Structures are given as C-alpha cells and as structure tokens.
Amino acid sequence: MDPLDPLDPAAARVLGSLIEKEFATPDNYPLTLKSLTAACNQSSNRDPVMDLDETAVMRGLDALTSRSWARGVHRGDARVMRYREEIGEALHLHRPELAILAVLLLRGPQTVGEIKARTHRLADFVDLSHVEITLDSLATLPTPLVTGLPRQPGQKEVRWAHLLGGTPEVVEPESPEPTEEPTDGAPGDRRDALELEVAALRDEVAALREQFEAFRKQFE
C-alpha cells in the first residue's frame, strides 16, 4: 500500500487528535480507545464536528497502522491498549511540522495567522514568518504534505490545507445573481430620488401660489 494513499475523514481526524494530545496533554498520552474517541468528537477546536463511534475510530487506527503512522502500545502494567502517532518518525517530521499538520487535520484550511494562533499549545512559533518557513518545508518535501490554496475572490490571504486526504477540493464562491434594478446608492436611484423631490417641491410651490392668490383677492 502506498503510504500516502489518501486518508478518509475519520482516519484524518484520528491522526490529528493523536498528534494534538501528544503535545497538549502529554501526561495522558498515549490514548486509550475511549479517550481517543472523545478527542475525535470534541466540539471545540474541530471543523467539522464529528460523531465517530469506537468502531469508526478503530478503522481509522487500522488505516494509520497500515501506513506505520500509528501503533498500539501498553503503558506500564495497564491491560488497556493505548495508541500513539508514528507519522513523525515515519516521515522524519519535527514538532513544529507536526503541530501545523495537526491543526490542518483537525480544522481544515487556514491562513498563516490562524495556524499560528491555533498551534500555541503544540509548538512555539516565534512569528508568522516562522510558520511560513515551516509550511514551505512541508510543501517542498519529496511528497508534499501541505499546499497553499488558490486565493478566492474576497480573500486577502492564502489558506493552507493538508494533502493527507488527497487533493483538497476548492469550493468556488457563488456569484451573486444579476439584478434588473440598480443597487442601493446607484446613480439611477439617486437621480430618481431627486426627480421625486423636485416634483414634490413644485407641487408645494403651486399650492402656496394658490393660497396667496386667494388671500390677495380678499383685499381687492
């Protein structure tokens, strides 16, 4: 099996959760199947929020194990199997690279600024340029792990996505449907409003003239 065959969404969520908990909660790592399932289904720091059962998580672990990206271990005398990520060792990734990979796996495409803010518990990035250098490192590996997405209309910054699930789908924003009438504040609207205002003033002047003529006739 090609080690970079695309992961399905469940396996990607399992991998991201393993990396995140390795750095964020080291005292509870490696994770039991129960704690890993809870990590996958968190409502915070996840996009989208998922509802995986232990069977789905186990399938994700199997997919990762077949790529040597995760493995089961026993901690001390505990009988319960625990699980840890191995992708860092398999692909020779450093902690900052793993941190970025984790947040992209867990929260989808993000800007450099978002990545820096969301990796604060996992790795220490000095500044945005440090994040950019790390992204470039991941993007220029013999088999790239991340890519910058084409900037869409209205977007000021490039968003980055992981490639472990295959080529990310770029969703084109819907173009607004053309309207037959001019938009608010358009020259046509302003002209129409002025014409109505002038017509109203003319009516008022005509009414005042009639009142004045009636008043003057009283003294003739």
Protein backbone atom coordinates (compact mmCIF):
# COMPACT_ATOMS: atom_id res chain seq x y z
CA MET A 1 0.00 0.00 0.00
CA ASP A 2 1.31 3.45 -0.89
CA PRO A 3 2.00 5.23 2.47
CA LEU A 4 0.47 8.41 1.07
CA ASP A 5 -2.76 6.93 -0.23
CA PRO A 6 -5.49 9.40 0.79
CA LEU A 7 -6.90 9.04 4.28
CA ASP A 8 -10.64 9.13 4.74
CA PRO A 9 -12.05 11.87 7.02
CA ALA A 10 -12.29 9.57 10.05
CA ALA A 11 -8.67 8.43 9.79
CA ALA A 12 -7.54 12.04 9.29
CA ARG A 13 -9.44 13.06 12.44
CA VAL A 14 -7.85 10.19 14.40
CA LEU A 15 -4.35 11.21 13.28
CA GLY A 16 -4.89 14.88 14.06
CA SER A 17 -6.25 14.02 17.51
CA LEU A 18 -3.29 11.76 18.33
CA ILE A 19 -0.78 14.46 17.39
CA GLU A 20 -2.68 17.18 19.28
CA LYS A 21 -2.96 15.19 22.51
CA GLU A 22 0.68 14.09 22.34
CA PHE A 23 1.76 17.72 22.76
CA ALA A 24 -1.21 19.26 24.59
CA THR A 25 -1.81 16.57 27.26
CA PRO A 26 1.40 14.50 27.49
CA ASP A 27 0.50 13.07 30.92
CA ASN A 28 -2.48 11.25 29.43
CA TYR A 29 -0.67 10.10 26.31
CA PRO A 30 -0.73 7.60 24.59
CA LEU A 31 -4.53 7.49 24.41
CA THR A 32 -6.97 4.69 25.15
CA LEU A 33 -9.57 3.96 22.51
CA LYS A 34 -12.20 5.64 24.68
CA SER A 35 -10.15 8.82 25.21
CA LEU A 36 -9.18 8.92 21.53
CA THR A 37 -12.83 8.66 20.50
CA ALA A 38 -13.67 11.54 22.84
CA ALA A 39 -10.82 13.58 21.36
CA CYS A 40 -12.08 12.94 17.82
CA ASN A 41 -15.58 14.07 18.77
CA GLN A 42 -14.67 17.26 20.63
CA SER A 43 -16.96 20.18 19.90
CA SER A 44 -14.11 22.68 20.35
CA ASN A 45 -11.14 23.09 18.01
CA ARG A 46 -12.75 20.82 15.42
CA ASP A 47 -14.14 21.66 12.00
CA PRO A 48 -16.32 19.90 11.18
CA VAL A 49 -17.50 18.45 14.49
CA MET A 50 -17.80 14.69 14.07
CA ASP A 51 -19.67 11.91 15.87
CA LEU A 52 -17.49 8.82 15.47
CA ASP A 53 -18.10 5.61 17.42
CA GLU A 54 -15.28 3.39 18.62
CA THR A 55 -15.65 1.09 15.61
CA ALA A 56 -15.04 4.00 13.21
CA VAL A 57 -12.08 5.19 15.27
CA MET A 58 -10.64 1.67 15.26
CA ARG A 59 -10.95 1.55 11.47
CA GLY A 60 -9.10 4.85 11.32
CA LEU A 61 -6.37 3.43 13.54
CA ASP A 62 -6.10 0.37 11.31
CA ALA A 63 -5.64 2.62 8.27
CA LEU A 64 -2.92 4.58 10.06
CA THR A 65 -1.21 1.45 11.39
CA SER A 66 -1.04 0.00 7.87
CA ARG A 67 0.95 3.11 6.88
CA SER A 68 3.14 2.96 10.02
CA TRP A 69 1.63 6.29 11.09
CA ALA A 70 0.21 4.96 14.39
CA ARG A 71 0.58 1.94 16.66
CA GLY A 72 -0.83 0.41 19.79
CA VAL A 73 1.24 0.22 22.97
CA HIS A 74 0.86 -0.96 26.57
CA ARG A 75 1.79 1.58 29.25
CA GLY A 76 3.23 0.04 32.41
CA ASP A 77 1.10 -2.79 33.79
CA ALA A 78 -2.13 -1.49 32.25
CA ARG A 79 -4.09 -4.06 30.32
CA VAL A 80 -5.89 -1.50 28.15
CA MET A 81 -4.25 -0.86 24.80
CA ARG A 82 -3.21 2.72 24.14
CA TYR A 83 -2.45 4.40 20.82
CA ARG A 84 0.17 6.86 19.66
CA GLU A 85 1.08 8.58 16.41
CA GLU A 86 4.14 7.43 14.48
CA ILE A 87 3.91 9.68 11.43
CA GLY A 88 6.56 11.99 12.83
CA GLU A 89 9.10 9.20 12.98
CA ALA A 90 7.98 7.60 9.72
CA LEU A 91 8.24 10.84 7.72
CA HIS A 92 11.02 12.47 9.78
CA LEU A 93 8.90 15.44 10.85
CA HIS A 94 9.87 17.90 13.57
CA ARG A 95 7.50 19.13 16.28
CA PRO A 96 6.56 22.43 14.53
CA GLU A 97 5.74 20.50 11.36
CA LEU A 98 3.60 18.03 13.30
CA ALA A 99 1.82 20.88 15.09
CA ILE A 100 0.84 22.50 11.81
CA LEU A 101 -0.23 19.17 10.36
CA ALA A 102 -2.42 18.55 13.43
CA VAL A 103 -4.38 21.81 13.21
CA LEU A 104 -4.89 21.40 9.46
CA LEU A 105 -6.16 17.84 10.00
CA LEU A 106 -8.48 18.97 12.79
CA ARG A 107 -9.78 22.29 11.46
CA GLY A 108 -9.39 22.30 7.68
CA PRO A 109 -7.79 25.02 5.51
CA GLN A 110 -6.45 28.03 7.42
CA THR A 111 -4.40 31.18 6.94
CA VAL A 112 -0.89 31.57 8.35
CA GLY A 113 -2.25 33.77 11.15
CA GLU A 114 -4.91 31.23 12.10
CA ILE A 115 -2.35 28.43 12.13
CA LYS A 116 -0.05 30.38 14.45
CA ALA A 117 -2.90 31.15 16.85
CA ARG A 118 -4.19 27.58 16.91
CA THR A 119 -0.83 25.86 17.44
CA HIS A 120 0.08 27.81 20.58
CA ARG A 121 -0.39 24.74 22.83
CA LEU A 122 1.52 22.45 20.48
CA ALA A 123 4.62 24.35 19.35
CA ASP A 124 6.31 27.70 19.84
CA PHE A 125 6.35 29.76 16.66
CA VAL A 126 8.31 32.98 17.05
CA ASP A 127 6.29 34.88 14.45
CA LEU A 128 4.32 34.46 11.24
CA SER A 129 7.47 34.05 9.17
CA HIS A 130 8.39 31.02 11.30
CA VAL A 131 5.03 29.48 10.40
CA GLU A 132 5.56 30.29 6.73
CA ILE A 133 9.01 28.67 6.72
CA THR A 134 7.57 25.53 8.30
CA LEU A 135 4.71 25.42 5.80
CA ASP A 136 7.21 25.78 2.95
CA SER A 137 9.19 22.89 4.44
CA LEU A 138 6.10 20.67 4.45
CA ALA A 139 5.12 21.80 0.96
CA THR A 140 8.51 21.08 -0.59
CA LEU A 141 9.06 17.56 0.74
CA PRO A 142 9.59 14.90 -1.96
CA THR A 143 5.94 14.03 -1.31
CA PRO A 144 4.32 17.33 -0.23
CA LEU A 145 2.12 17.20 2.86
CA VAL A 146 0.54 20.66 2.59
CA THR A 147 -0.34 23.11 -0.15
CA GLY A 148 -1.45 26.70 -0.49
CA LEU A 149 -4.92 27.03 -1.96
CA PRO A 150 -5.76 29.44 -4.78
CA ARG A 151 -6.94 32.75 -3.34
CA GLN A 152 -10.67 33.15 -3.90
CA PRO A 153 -12.47 36.43 -4.65
CA GLY A 154 -12.79 38.45 -1.46
CA GLN A 155 -9.97 36.61 0.32
CA LYS A 156 -6.96 38.68 1.32
CA GLU A 157 -4.74 35.82 2.49
CA VAL A 158 -3.78 32.41 1.14
CA ARG A 159 -5.22 29.46 3.05
CA TRP A 160 -3.20 26.28 3.56
CA ALA A 161 -4.52 22.70 3.55
CA HIS A 162 -3.04 19.28 4.26
CA LEU A 163 -2.69 16.71 1.47
CA LEU A 164 -3.10 13.54 3.52
CA GLY A 165 -6.69 13.20 2.34
CA GLY A 166 -5.78 13.78 -1.31
CA THR A 167 -6.07 16.98 -3.30
CA PRO A 168 -8.26 19.40 -1.32
CA GLU A 169 -11.45 20.49 -3.02
CA VAL A 170 -11.59 24.21 -3.69
CA VAL A 171 -15.15 25.50 -3.37
CA GLU A 172 -15.83 28.42 -5.67
CA PRO A 173 -17.94 31.11 -4.02
CA GLU A 174 -21.31 31.60 -5.64
CA SER A 175 -21.54 34.68 -7.81
CA PRO A 176 -24.42 36.96 -6.94
CA GLU A 177 -27.21 36.81 -9.50
CA PRO A 178 -27.56 39.99 -11.53
CA THR A 179 -30.48 42.20 -10.63
CA GLU A 180 -32.53 44.15 -13.15
CA GLU A 181 -32.88 47.15 -10.86
CA PRO A 182 -29.89 49.28 -9.85
CA THR A 183 -28.46 48.63 -6.38
CA ASP A 184 -28.94 50.99 -3.46
CA GLY A 185 -26.94 54.14 -3.89
CA ALA A 186 -26.50 53.69 -7.66
CA PRO A 187 -26.67 56.81 -9.90
CA GLY A 188 -30.07 55.74 -11.25
CA ASP A 189 -31.54 55.56 -7.75
CA ARG A 190 -30.16 58.97 -6.78
CA ARG A 191 -31.50 60.56 -9.98
CA ASP A 192 -34.96 59.10 -9.41
CA ALA A 193 -34.99 60.34 -5.82
CA LEU A 194 -34.01 63.86 -6.89
CA GLU A 195 -36.71 63.94 -9.55
CA LEU A 196 -39.34 62.93 -7.00
CA GLU A 197 -38.10 65.59 -4.60
CA VAL A 198 -38.22 68.31 -7.28
CA ALA A 199 -41.75 67.27 -8.27
CA ALA A 200 -42.87 67.48 -4.64
CA LEU A 201 -41.35 70.94 -4.27
CA ARG A 202 -43.14 72.12 -7.42
CA ASP A 203 -46.45 70.90 -6.00
CA GLU A 204 -45.80 72.75 -2.76
CA VAL A 205 -44.94 75.98 -4.63
CA ALA A 206 -48.10 75.68 -6.72
CA ALA A 207 -50.19 75.20 -3.58
CA LEU A 208 -48.60 78.25 -1.92
CA ARG A 209 -49.33 80.35 -5.01
CA GLU A 210 -53.00 79.36 -4.93
CA GLN A 211 -53.21 80.25 -1.23
CA PHE A 212 -51.52 83.61 -1.84
CA GLU A 213 -53.88 84.48 -4.71
CA ALA A 214 -56.89 83.59 -2.56
CA PHE A 215 -55.57 85.72 0.30
CA ARG A 216 -54.89 88.72 -2.01
CA LYS A 217 -58.38 88.63 -3.50
CA GLN A 218 -59.82 89.26 -0.05
CA PHE A 219 -58.46 92.85 -0.22
CA GLU A 220 -59.41 93.74 -3.75
